[in-house]
C-alpha atoms as a PDB file:
ATOM      1  CA  MET A   1      95.705 115.083  80.404  1.00  0.00           C
ATOM      2  CA  PRO A   2      97.018 112.417  82.798  1.00  0.00           C
ATOM      3  CA  SER A   3      95.119 111.719  86.011  1.00  0.00           C
ATOM      4  CA  ILE A   4      96.953 113.621  88.750  1.00  0.00           C
ATOM      5  CA  GLN A   5      95.629 113.212  92.287  1.00  0.00           C
ATOM      6  CA  LEU A   6      96.441 114.393  95.770  1.00  0.00           C
ATOM      7  CA  ARG A   7      95.893 112.039  98.677  1.00  0.00           C
ATOM      8  CA  PHE A   8      95.298 112.828 102.335  1.00  0.00           C
ATOM      9  CA  ASP A   9      94.749 110.562 105.328  1.00  0.00           C
ATOM     10  CA  MET A  10      95.817 113.077 107.999  1.00  0.00           C
ATOM     11  CA  ARG A  11      98.051 110.744 110.009  1.00  0.00           C
ATOM     12  CA  ALA A  12      99.798 112.876 112.636  1.00  0.00           C
ATOM     13  CA  PRO A  13     102.368 110.810 114.562  1.00  0.00           C
ATOM     14  CA  ALA A  14     104.004 112.481 117.544  1.00  0.00           C
ATOM     15  CA  PHE A  15     107.243 113.191 115.656  1.00  0.00           C
ATOM     16  CA  GLY A  16     105.395 114.922 112.790  1.00  0.00           C
ATOM     17  CA  ALA A  17     103.799 118.305 112.302  1.00  0.00           C
ATOM     18  CA  PRO A  18     101.005 119.565 114.599  1.00  0.00           C
ATOM     19  CA  ARG A  19      97.615 118.177 113.594  1.00  0.00           C
ATOM     20  CA  ALA A  20      95.965 121.590 113.199  1.00  0.00           C
ATOM     21  CA  ASP A  21      98.726 122.680 110.802  1.00  0.00           C
ATOM     22  CA  LEU A  22      98.253 119.534 108.734  1.00  0.00           C
ATOM     23  CA  TYR A  23      94.515 120.035 108.358  1.00  0.00           C
ATOM     24  CA  GLN A  24      94.872 123.664 107.302  1.00  0.00           C
ATOM     25  CA  ALA A  25      97.611 122.742 104.846  1.00  0.00           C
ATOM     26  CA  ALA A  26      95.474 119.961 103.345  1.00  0.00           C
ATOM     27  CA  ILE A  27      92.657 122.397 102.583  1.00  0.00           C
ATOM     28  CA  ASP A  28      95.087 124.956 101.142  1.00  0.00           C
ATOM     29  CA  MET A  29      96.732 122.283  98.991  1.00  0.00           C
ATOM     30  CA  ALA A  30      93.337 121.151  97.717  1.00  0.00           C
ATOM     31  CA  GLU A  31      92.630 124.686  96.552  1.00  0.00           C
ATOM     32  CA  TYR A  32      96.055 124.902  94.890  1.00  0.00           C
ATOM     33  CA  ALA A  33      95.554 121.576  93.088  1.00  0.00           C
ATOM     34  CA  ASP A  34      92.138 122.725  91.877  1.00  0.00           C
ATOM     35  CA  GLN A  35      93.620 125.913  90.474  1.00  0.00           C
ATOM     36  CA  HIS A  36      96.170 123.893  88.502  1.00  0.00           C
ATOM     37  CA  GLY A  37      93.806 121.376  86.947  1.00  0.00           C
ATOM     38  CA  PHE A  38      94.448 118.237  89.011  1.00  0.00           C
ATOM     39  CA  PHE A  39      91.889 115.503  88.465  1.00  0.00           C
ATOM     40  CA  GLY A  40      91.041 114.601  92.034  1.00  0.00           C
ATOM     41  CA  ILE A  41      91.680 114.486  95.747  1.00  0.00           C
ATOM     42  CA  SER A  42      91.609 111.087  97.412  1.00  0.00           C
ATOM     43  CA  ILE A  43      90.523 111.336 101.052  1.00  0.00           C
ATOM     44  CA  SER A  44      90.959 108.235 103.188  1.00  0.00           C
ATOM     45  CA  GLU A  45      89.272 107.134 106.408  1.00  0.00           C
ATOM     46  CA  HIS A  46      90.012 104.850 109.367  1.00  0.00           C
ATOM     47  CA  HIS A  47      88.899 104.873 112.990  1.00  0.00           C
ATOM     48  CA  GLY A  48      90.454 104.789 116.437  1.00  0.00           C
ATOM     49  CA  VAL A  49      94.036 104.946 115.158  1.00  0.00           C
ATOM     50  CA  GLU A  50      96.786 106.100 117.530  1.00  0.00           C
ATOM     51  CA  ASP A  51      98.244 108.580 115.047  1.00  0.00           C
ATOM     52  CA  GLY A  52      94.888 110.290 114.526  1.00  0.00           C
ATOM     53  CA  TYR A  53      94.138 108.903 111.055  1.00  0.00           C
ATOM     54  CA  LEU A  54      91.223 110.848 109.563  1.00  0.00           C
ATOM     55  CA  PRO A  55      87.975 109.324 110.892  1.00  0.00           C
ATOM     56  CA  SER A  56      85.590 111.547 108.909  1.00  0.00           C
ATOM     57  CA  SER A  57      86.500 111.880 105.254  1.00  0.00           C
ATOM     58  CA  ILE A  58      83.169 113.464 104.342  1.00  0.00           C
ATOM     59  CA  THR A  59      83.762 116.360 106.733  1.00  0.00           C
ATOM     60  CA  LEU A  60      87.187 117.133 105.276  1.00  0.00           C
ATOM     61  CA  ALA A  61      85.859 116.710 101.737  1.00  0.00           C
ATOM     62  CA  ALA A  62      83.138 119.279 102.474  1.00  0.00           C
ATOM     63  CA  ALA A  63      85.730 121.785 103.690  1.00  0.00           C
ATOM     64  CA  MET A  64      87.730 121.212 100.512  1.00  0.00           C
ATOM     65  CA  ALA A  65      84.590 121.491  98.381  1.00  0.00           C
ATOM     66  CA  ALA A  66      84.005 124.993  99.739  1.00  0.00           C
ATOM     67  CA  ARG A  67      87.484 126.070  98.579  1.00  0.00           C
ATOM     68  CA  THR A  68      87.510 124.391  95.142  1.00  0.00           C
ATOM     69  CA  ARG A  69      85.500 124.508  91.939  1.00  0.00           C
ATOM     70  CA  GLN A  70      86.398 121.652  89.601  1.00  0.00           C
ATOM     71  CA  ILE A  71      88.496 118.947  91.224  1.00  0.00           C
ATOM     72  CA  LYS A  72      86.832 115.597  91.993  1.00  0.00           C
ATOM     73  CA  LEU A  73      86.456 114.578  95.636  1.00  0.00           C
ATOM     74  CA  LEU A  74      87.050 110.848  96.063  1.00  0.00           C
ATOM     75  CA  LEU A  75      85.988 109.353  99.384  1.00  0.00           C
ATOM     76  CA  SER A  76      88.612 106.648  99.075  1.00  0.00           C
ATOM     77  CA  ALA A  77      87.752 104.612 100.854  1.00  0.00           C
ATOM     78  CA  ILE A  78      84.874 104.600 103.310  1.00  0.00           C
ATOM     79  CA  VAL A  79      84.554 101.391 105.318  1.00  0.00           C
ATOM     80  CA  VAL A  80      80.819 101.236 104.767  1.00  0.00           C
ATOM     81  CA  PRO A  81      79.929  98.432 107.238  1.00  0.00           C
ATOM     82  CA  LEU A  82      80.918 100.821 110.048  1.00  0.00           C
ATOM     83  CA  HIS A  83      78.403 103.488 108.971  1.00  0.00           C
ATOM     84  CA  GLU A  84      74.647 103.776 109.428  1.00  0.00           C
ATOM     85  CA  THR A  85      73.596 103.503 105.807  1.00  0.00           C
ATOM     86  CA  LEU A  86      70.819 106.091 105.620  1.00  0.00           C
ATOM     87  CA  HIS A  87      72.931 108.659 107.424  1.00  0.00           C
ATOM     88  CA  LEU A  88      75.798 107.912 105.043  1.00  0.00           C
ATOM     89  CA  ALA A  89      73.457 108.502 102.086  1.00  0.00           C
ATOM     90  CA  GLU A  90      72.433 111.876 103.518  1.00  0.00           C
ATOM     91  CA  GLN A  91      75.986 112.999 104.217  1.00  0.00           C
ATOM     92  CA  ILE A  92      77.301 112.131 100.764  1.00  0.00           C
ATOM     93  CA  ALA A  93      74.291 113.750  99.103  1.00  0.00           C
ATOM     94  CA  VAL A  94      74.960 116.999 100.961  1.00  0.00           C
ATOM     95  CA  LEU A  95      78.661 116.817 100.026  1.00  0.00           C
ATOM     96  CA  ASP A  96      77.649 116.409  96.388  1.00  0.00           C
ATOM     97  CA  ILE A  97      75.435 119.485  96.625  1.00  0.00           C
ATOM     98  CA  ILE A  98      78.141 121.590  98.301  1.00  0.00           C
ATOM     99  CA  SER A  99      80.664 120.544  95.653  1.00  0.00           C
ATOM    100  CA  GLY A 100      78.342 121.023  92.704  1.00  0.00           C
ATOM    101  CA  GLY A 101      78.367 117.330  91.796  1.00  0.00           C
ATOM    102  CA  ARG A 102      82.001 116.336  92.358  1.00  0.00           C
ATOM    103  CA  ALA A 103      81.673 113.520  94.909  1.00  0.00           C
ATOM    104  CA  ILE A 104      82.805 109.961  94.137  1.00  0.00           C
ATOM    105  CA  LEU A 105      82.451 107.145  96.655  1.00  0.00           C
ATOM    106  CA  VAL A 106      84.944 104.320  96.941  1.00  0.00           C
ATOM    107  CA  ALA A 107      83.316 101.788  99.261  1.00  0.00           C
ATOM    108  CA  ALA A 108      85.279  99.100 101.096  1.00  0.00           C
ATOM    109  CA  GLY A 109      84.411  96.237 103.395  1.00  0.00           C
ATOM    110  CA  GLY A 110      87.300  96.891 105.776  1.00  0.00           C
ATOM    111  CA  TYR A 111      89.936  94.606 107.216  1.00  0.00           C
ATOM    112  CA  VAL A 112      90.992  96.037 110.599  1.00  0.00           C
ATOM    113  CA  PRO A 113      89.280  94.046 113.396  1.00  0.00           C
ATOM    114  CA  GLY A 114      89.635  96.831 115.965  1.00  0.00           C
ATOM    115  CA  GLU A 115      87.430  99.150 113.921  1.00  0.00           C
ATOM    116  CA  PHE A 116      84.616  96.615 113.826  1.00  0.00           C
ATOM    117  CA  GLU A 117      84.947  96.047 117.579  1.00  0.00           C
ATOM    118  CA  MET A 118      84.847  99.817 118.154  1.00  0.00           C
ATOM    119  CA  PHE A 119      81.506 100.158 116.381  1.00  0.00           C
ATOM    120  CA  GLU A 120      80.141  96.791 117.560  1.00  0.00           C
ATOM    121  CA  ARG A 121      79.905  95.434 114.015  1.00  0.00           C
ATOM    122  CA  ASP A 122      80.484  91.845 112.916  1.00  0.00           C
ATOM    123  CA  ILE A 123      83.466  91.684 110.570  1.00  0.00           C
ATOM    124  CA  LYS A 124      82.192  88.353 109.244  1.00  0.00           C
ATOM    125  CA  LYS A 125      79.140  90.135 107.825  1.00  0.00           C
ATOM    126  CA  ARG A 126      81.060  92.861 105.988  1.00  0.00           C
ATOM    127  CA  ALA A 127      80.448  91.446 102.497  1.00  0.00           C
ATOM    128  CA  SER A 128      76.684  91.435 102.907  1.00  0.00           C
ATOM    129  CA  ALA A 129      76.884  94.875 104.506  1.00  0.00           C
ATOM    130  CA  VAL A 130      78.690  96.240 101.450  1.00  0.00           C
ATOM    131  CA  GLU A 131      76.088  94.819  99.093  1.00  0.00           C
ATOM    132  CA  GLU A 132      73.190  96.185 101.132  1.00  0.00           C
ATOM    133  CA  THR A 133      74.865  99.586 101.372  1.00  0.00           C
ATOM    134  CA  ILE A 134      75.351  99.935  97.620  1.00  0.00           C
ATOM    135  CA  ARG A 135      71.769  98.947  96.856  1.00  0.00           C
ATOM    136  CA  THR A 136      70.474 101.279  99.561  1.00  0.00           C
ATOM    137  CA  LEU A 137      72.538 104.250  98.362  1.00  0.00           C
ATOM    138  CA  ARG A 138      71.300 103.808  94.819  1.00  0.00           C
ATOM    139  CA  ALA A 139      67.677 103.788  96.006  1.00  0.00           C
ATOM    140  CA  ALA A 140      68.245 106.620  98.486  1.00  0.00           C
ATOM    141  CA  TRP A 141      69.776 108.973  95.948  1.00  0.00           C
ATOM    142  CA  THR A 142      66.653 108.908  93.777  1.00  0.00           C
ATOM    143  CA  GLY A 143      64.991 111.064  96.418  1.00  0.00           C
ATOM    144  CA  GLU A 144      61.945 108.803  96.241  1.00  0.00           C
ATOM    145  CA  PRO A 145      60.477 106.552  98.974  1.00  0.00           C
ATOM    146  CA  PHE A 146      61.853 103.001  99.014  1.00  0.00           C
ATOM    147  CA  GLU A 147      61.745  99.876 101.133  1.00  0.00           C
ATOM    148  CA  TYR A 148      64.554  99.526 103.668  1.00  0.00           C
ATOM    149  CA  ARG A 149      64.662  96.675 106.174  1.00  0.00           C
ATOM    150  CA  GLY A 150      60.924  96.212 106.123  1.00  0.00           C
ATOM    151  CA  ARG A 151      59.860  99.839 106.266  1.00  0.00           C
ATOM    152  CA  THR A 152      59.370 102.706 103.829  1.00  0.00           C
ATOM    153  CA  VAL A 153      61.957 105.491 104.077  1.00  0.00           C
ATOM    154  CA  ARG A 154      62.998 108.497 102.056  1.00  0.00           C
ATOM    155  CA  VAL A 155      66.366 110.273 101.905  1.00  0.00           C
ATOM    156  CA  THR A 156      66.444 113.936 100.986  1.00  0.00           C
ATOM    157  CA  PRO A 157      67.893 116.011  99.449  1.00  0.00           C
ATOM    158  CA  LYS A 158      69.057 114.290  96.281  1.00  0.00           C
ATOM    159  CA  PRO A 159      72.663 114.622  95.131  1.00  0.00           C
ATOM    160  CA  VAL A 160      73.365 117.044  92.297  1.00  0.00           C
ATOM    161  CA  GLN A 161      74.605 114.185  90.123  1.00  0.00           C
ATOM    162  CA  ASP A 162      71.875 112.105  88.550  1.00  0.00           C
ATOM    163  CA  TYR A 163      74.223 109.149  88.970  1.00  0.00           C
ATOM    164  CA  LEU A 164      76.821 109.485  91.724  1.00  0.00           C
ATOM    165  CA  PRO A 165      79.669 107.016  90.999  1.00  0.00           C
ATOM    166  CA  ILE A 166      80.306 104.177  93.444  1.00  0.00           C
ATOM    167  CA  LEU A 167      83.553 102.251  93.107  1.00  0.00           C
ATOM    168  CA  LEU A 168      84.659  99.329  95.242  1.00  0.00           C
ATOM    169  CA  GLY A 169      88.025  98.468  96.715  1.00  0.00           C
ATOM    170  CA  GLY A 170      89.141  95.017  97.760  1.00  0.00           C
ATOM    171  CA  SER A 171      91.907  92.444  97.811  1.00  0.00           C
ATOM    172  CA  VAL A 172      90.138  89.130  97.098  1.00  0.00           C
ATOM    173  CA  PRO A 173      88.291  87.692  94.068  1.00  0.00           C
ATOM    174  CA  ALA A 174      84.927  87.857  95.836  1.00  0.00           C
ATOM    175  CA  ALA A 175      85.315  91.632  96.209  1.00  0.00           C
ATOM    176  CA  ALA A 176      86.271  91.939  92.542  1.00  0.00           C
ATOM    177  CA  LYS A 177      83.210  89.985  91.452  1.00  0.00           C
ATOM    178  CA  ARG A 178      81.007  92.056  93.736  1.00  0.00           C
ATOM    179  CA  ALA A 179      82.340  95.194  92.082  1.00  0.00           C
ATOM    180  CA  GLY A 180      81.627  93.725  88.681  1.00  0.00           C
ATOM    181  CA  ARG A 181      77.999  93.155  89.632  1.00  0.00           C
ATOM    182  CA  LEU A 182      77.237  96.253  91.655  1.00  0.00           C
ATOM    183  CA  ALA A 183      79.785  99.023  91.216  1.00  0.00           C
ATOM    184  CA  ASP A 184      81.092 101.454  88.621  1.00  0.00           C
ATOM    185  CA  GLY A 185      84.740 100.482  88.988  1.00  0.00           C
ATOM    186  CA  PHE A 186      87.215  98.522  91.064  1.00  0.00           C
ATOM    187  CA  ILE A 187      90.338  99.782  92.823  1.00  0.00           C
ATOM    188  CA  THR A 188      93.272  97.373  93.023  1.00  0.00           C
ATOM    189  CA  HIS A 189      96.982  97.308  92.217  1.00  0.00           C
ATOM    190  CA  ILE A 190      96.802  93.615  91.215  1.00  0.00           C
ATOM    191  CA  PRO A 191      96.246  93.033  87.460  1.00  0.00           C
ATOM    192  CA  GLU A 192      94.924  89.484  87.943  1.00  0.00           C
ATOM    193  CA  LEU A 193      92.365  90.663  90.458  1.00  0.00           C
ATOM    194  CA  TYR A 194      91.281  93.486  88.176  1.00  0.00           C
ATOM    195  CA  GLN A 195      90.753  90.918  85.422  1.00  0.00           C
ATOM    196  CA  VAL A 196      88.281  89.085  87.676  1.00  0.00           C
ATOM    197  CA  TYR A 197      86.367  92.360  88.038  1.00  0.00           C
ATOM    198  CA  PHE A 198      86.634  93.093  84.306  1.00  0.00           C
ATOM    199  CA  GLU A 199      85.156  89.772  83.271  1.00  0.00           C
ATOM    200  CA  GLU A 200      82.333  89.973  85.818  1.00  0.00           C
ATOM    201  CA  ALA A 201      81.479  93.517  84.765  1.00  0.00           C
ATOM    202  CA  LYS A 202      81.339  92.473  81.100  1.00  0.00           C
ATOM    203  CA  ALA A 203      79.114  89.537  82.035  1.00  0.00           C
ATOM    204  CA  ASN A 204      76.756  92.008  83.689  1.00  0.00           C
ATOM    205  CA  GLY A 205      76.438  94.155  80.578  1.00  0.00           C
ATOM    206  CA  LYS A 206      78.898  96.841  81.619  1.00  0.00           C
ATOM    207  CA  ASN A 207      81.755  98.386  79.696  1.00  0.00           C
ATOM    208  CA  PRO A 208      84.639  98.446  82.189  1.00  0.00           C
ATOM    209  CA  LEU A 209      87.851 100.345  81.555  1.00  0.00           C
ATOM    210  CA  PRO A 210      91.005  98.295  80.968  1.00  0.00           C
ATOM    211  CA  PHE A 211      93.490  97.898  83.802  1.00  0.00           C
ATOM    212  CA  THR A 212      95.896 100.787  84.317  1.00  0.00           C
ATOM    213  CA  GLN A 213      99.099 100.066  86.207  1.00  0.00           C
ATOM    214  CA  PRO A 214      99.211 102.514  89.101  1.00  0.00           C
ATOM    215  CA  SER A 215     102.236 104.668  89.751  1.00  0.00           C
ATOM    216  CA  PRO A 216     104.051 104.301  93.095  1.00  0.00           C
ATOM    217  CA  GLY A 217     101.723 104.971  95.993  1.00  0.00           C
ATOM    218  CA  CYS A 218     103.576 108.105  97.057  1.00  0.00           C
ATOM    219  CA  VAL A 219     105.753 110.316  94.853  1.00  0.00           C
ATOM    220  CA  TYR A 220     107.853 113.221  96.119  1.00  0.00           C
ATOM    221  CA  VAL A 221     109.453 115.620  93.622  1.00  0.00           C
ATOM    222  CA  ALA A 222     112.789 117.234  94.503  1.00  0.00           C
ATOM    223  CA  GLU A 223     115.746 118.818  92.741  1.00  0.00           C
ATOM    224  CA  ASN A 224     118.054 116.798  94.996  1.00  0.00           C
ATOM    225  CA  PRO A 225     116.419 113.416  95.746  1.00  0.00           C
ATOM    226  CA  ASP A 226     119.206 112.234  98.067  1.00  0.00           C
ATOM    227  CA  GLU A 227     118.709 115.269 100.279  1.00  0.00           C
ATOM    228  CA  ALA A 228     114.911 114.962 100.112  1.00  0.00           C
ATOM    229  CA  TRP A 229     115.006 111.331 101.236  1.00  0.00           C
ATOM    230  CA  ASP A 230     116.399 112.582 104.565  1.00  0.00           C
ATOM    231  CA  TRP A 231     113.359 114.832 104.966  1.00  0.00           C
ATOM    232  CA  VAL A 232     110.647 112.377 104.030  1.00  0.00           C
ATOM    233  CA  ALA A 233     112.001 108.940 104.994  1.00  0.00           C
ATOM    234  CA  PRO A 234     110.674 108.954 108.605  1.00  0.00           C
ATOM    235  CA  HIS A 235     107.207 109.854 107.335  1.00  0.00           C
ATOM    236  CA  PHE A 236     107.287 107.257 104.545  1.00  0.00           C
ATOM    237  CA  MET A 237     108.444 104.654 107.082  1.00  0.00           C
ATOM    238  CA  HIS A 238     105.625 105.500 109.459  1.00  0.00           C
ATOM    239  CA  GLU A 239     102.975 105.066 106.802  1.00  0.00           C
ATOM    240  CA  MET A 240     104.529 101.905 105.334  1.00  0.00           C
ATOM    241  CA  ASN A 241     104.783 100.165 108.692  1.00  0.00           C
ATOM    242  CA  ALA A 242     101.389 101.297 109.974  1.00  0.00           C
ATOM    243  CA  TYR A 243      99.595  99.951 106.908  1.00  0.00           C
ATOM    244  CA  GLY A 244     101.953  96.985 106.738  1.00  0.00           C
ATOM    245  CA  LYS A 245     101.040  95.824 110.228  1.00  0.00           C
ATOM    246  CA  TRP A 246      97.332  96.006 109.434  1.00  0.00           C
ATOM    247  CA  SER A 247      97.769  94.106 106.171  1.00  0.00           C
ATOM    248  CA  ALA A 248     100.002  91.447 107.717  1.00  0.00           C
ATOM    249  CA  ALA A 249      97.539  90.874 110.557  1.00  0.00           C
ATOM    250  CA  ALA A 250      94.641  90.578 108.102  1.00  0.00           C
ATOM    251  CA  GLY A 251      96.556  88.415 105.630  1.00  0.00           C
ATOM    252  CA  THR A 252      95.664  90.693 102.717  1.00  0.00           C
ATOM    253  CA  ASP A 253      97.671  91.125  99.525  1.00  0.00           C
ATOM    254  CA  SER A 254      98.873  94.680  99.934  1.00  0.00           C
ATOM    255  CA  MET A 255     101.493  97.037  98.526  1.00  0.00           C
ATOM    256  CA  TYR A 256     102.409  97.772 102.156  1.00  0.00           C
ATOM    257  CA  THR A 257     104.745  95.464 104.072  1.00  0.00           C
ATOM    258  CA  PRO A 258     106.619  96.221 107.305  1.00  0.00           C
ATOM    259  CA  VAL A 259     110.188  97.410 106.713  1.00  0.00           C
ATOM    260  CA  SER A 260     113.076  98.074 109.077  1.00  0.00           C
ATOM    261  CA  SER A 261     115.396 100.222 106.943  1.00  0.00           C
ATOM    262  CA  ILE A 262     115.387 102.941 104.315  1.00  0.00           C
ATOM    263  CA  GLU A 263     116.937 100.469 101.879  1.00  0.00           C
ATOM    264  CA  GLU A 264     113.974  98.113 102.307  1.00  0.00           C
ATOM    265  CA  LEU A 265     111.591 101.029 101.903  1.00  0.00           C
ATOM    266  CA  LYS A 266     113.221 102.109  98.648  1.00  0.00           C
ATOM    267  CA  ALA A 267     113.283  98.537  97.357  1.00  0.00           C
ATOM    268  CA  SER A 268     109.532  98.145  97.941  1.00  0.00           C
ATOM    269  CA  GLY A 269     108.797 100.417  94.995  1.00  0.00           C
ATOM    270  CA  GLY A 270     105.850 102.013  96.763  1.00  0.00           C
ATOM    271  CA  TYR A 271     107.629 105.274  97.515  1.00  0.00           C
ATOM    272  CA  ALA A 272     109.610 107.357  95.056  1.00  0.00           C
ATOM    273  CA  VAL A 273     111.631 110.551  95.388  1.00  0.00           C
ATOM    274  CA  VAL A 274     112.366 111.811  91.885  1.00  0.00           C
ATOM    275  CA  THR A 275     113.663 114.832  90.033  1.00  0.00           C
ATOM    276  CA  PRO A 276     111.224 116.860  87.930  1.00  0.00           C
ATOM    277  CA  ASP A 277     112.536 115.240  84.725  1.00  0.00           C
ATOM    278  CA  GLU A 278     112.199 111.759  86.239  1.00  0.00           C
ATOM    279  CA  CYS A 279     108.670 112.626  87.302  1.00  0.00           C
ATOM    280  CA  VAL A 280     107.814 113.701  83.766  1.00  0.00           C
ATOM    281  CA  GLU A 281     108.880 110.271  82.513  1.00  0.00           C
ATOM    282  CA  MET A 282     106.918 108.589  85.295  1.00  0.00           C
ATOM    283  CA  VAL A 283     103.712 110.411  84.352  1.00  0.00           C
ATOM    284  CA  ARG A 284     104.206 109.593  80.682  1.00  0.00           C
ATOM    285  CA  LYS A 285     104.700 105.928  81.550  1.00  0.00           C
ATOM    286  CA  TYR A 286     101.773 105.463  83.931  1.00  0.00           C
ATOM    287  CA  ARG A 287      99.426 108.254  82.774  1.00  0.00           C
ATOM    288  CA  ASN A 288      98.572 108.764  86.429  1.00  0.00           C
ATOM    289  CA  LEU A 289     100.320 110.048  89.525  1.00  0.00           C
ATOM    290  CA  LEU A 290      99.522 110.143  93.221  1.00  0.00           C
ATOM    291  CA  LEU A 291     101.057 112.894  95.326  1.00  0.00           C
ATOM    292  CA  HIS A 292     100.771 112.505  99.096  1.00  0.00           C
ATOM    293  CA  PRO A 293     102.302 115.785 100.324  1.00  0.00           C
ATOM    294  CA  LEU A 294     101.492 115.356 104.021  1.00  0.00           C
ATOM    295  CA  VAL A 295     102.340 111.656 104.204  1.00  0.00           C
ATOM    296  CA  GLY A 296     102.942 110.380 107.726  1.00  0.00           C
ATOM    297  CA  GLY A 297     102.587 113.829 109.297  1.00  0.00           C
ATOM    298  CA  CYS A 298     105.149 115.406 106.959  1.00  0.00           C
ATOM    299  CA  PRO A 299     105.606 119.126 107.802  1.00  0.00           C
ATOM    300  CA  PRO A 300     103.565 121.270 105.402  1.00  0.00           C
ATOM    301  CA  GLU A 301     106.582 123.284 104.245  1.00  0.00           C
ATOM    302  CA  ILE A 302     108.226 120.068 103.030  1.00  0.00           C
ATOM    303  CA  GLY A 303     105.032 118.921 101.324  1.00  0.00           C
ATOM    304  CA  TRP A 304     104.642 122.289  99.610  1.00  0.00           C
ATOM    305  CA  ARG A 305     108.161 122.062  98.140  1.00  0.00           C
ATOM    306  CA  SER A 306     107.257 118.926  96.227  1.00  0.00           C
ATOM    307  CA  LEU A 307     103.797 120.102  95.205  1.00  0.00           C
ATOM    308  CA  LYS A 308     104.974 123.445  93.861  1.00  0.00           C
ATOM    309  CA  LEU A 309     107.936 121.892  92.070  1.00  0.00           C
ATOM    310  CA  PHE A 310     105.557 119.438  90.394  1.00  0.00           C
ATOM    311  CA  VAL A 311     103.285 122.253  89.242  1.00  0.00           C
ATOM    312  CA  GLU A 312     106.129 124.473  88.055  1.00  0.00           C
ATOM    313  CA  LYS A 313     108.420 121.943  86.350  1.00  0.00           C
ATOM    314  CA  VAL A 314     106.445 118.754  85.671  1.00  0.00           C
ATOM    315  CA  LEU A 315     102.856 119.730  84.937  1.00  0.00           C
ATOM    316  CA  PRO A 316     103.641 122.005  81.945  1.00  0.00           C
ATOM    317  CA  LYS A 317     105.414 119.072  80.223  1.00  0.00           C
ATOM    318  CA  VAL A 318     102.662 116.490  80.748  1.00  0.00           C
ATOM    319  CA  SER A 319      99.532 118.608  80.312  1.00  0.00           C
ATOM    320  CA  GLN A 320      99.118 117.887  76.619  1.00  0.00           C
END
């Protein structure tokens, strides 16, 4: 079956739905996706953002874990230099226990200077912080004592999984090589960058998966796409420009770039509003799909329309 995922970042701009409604809907949608065999839920995290971007992905993942049974819970991504590493190890271990072994960590070094200033962390040291975090998590999740910054510590309880997956995200070759050495996968939309990871992973005795071209970053399913664009465009625009400003300021190669019109947004290719039949073809082409039903504070009733239409008219045709 193709890899079908939901994504939530819980942005709640002033023009969108009330924050409490969005959080309740996200948990309900997670349960619905679990019941219909989706592969995973991707839960993002940032800090100190004006629109209330989710600052605690582990907390939301735990709430979803209590309402689901099979679906994977991807912490995608946690900016690990901003976290106290031992506490992070404890939190993820407990999430893995609550979920029965469904946690996956996507670690990132971060790129938003304001977040590092907020937590009094040096953004110039993020690469070394990522490396230390991965090594520490691996040692911590054995449940045995280990050396950490010159002292002996022990993290308990252990996760349910004997080997909890750690993937890395990044936008530069150094991050790709780091993933090849230390991680279990690498998240990028850039084929050339993935190849850097692939070669480094092979050189380190691993058997990495080949690159898979991702589908558009946000897909909305509707019987009448022209009408649906009117519903979702303000929310797509908010997300595109919010991420785009961060990426432009950081100089990163990103799928998000600031836009000033719906035409520019459509031309970017990152957002798609498609009919059920068009969505079937999209899933068959990419073998993956990312649904972001509450994108940019989208009202839950609008998000549910797309999600239920996907389940009713797309999923039966691509489940083989």
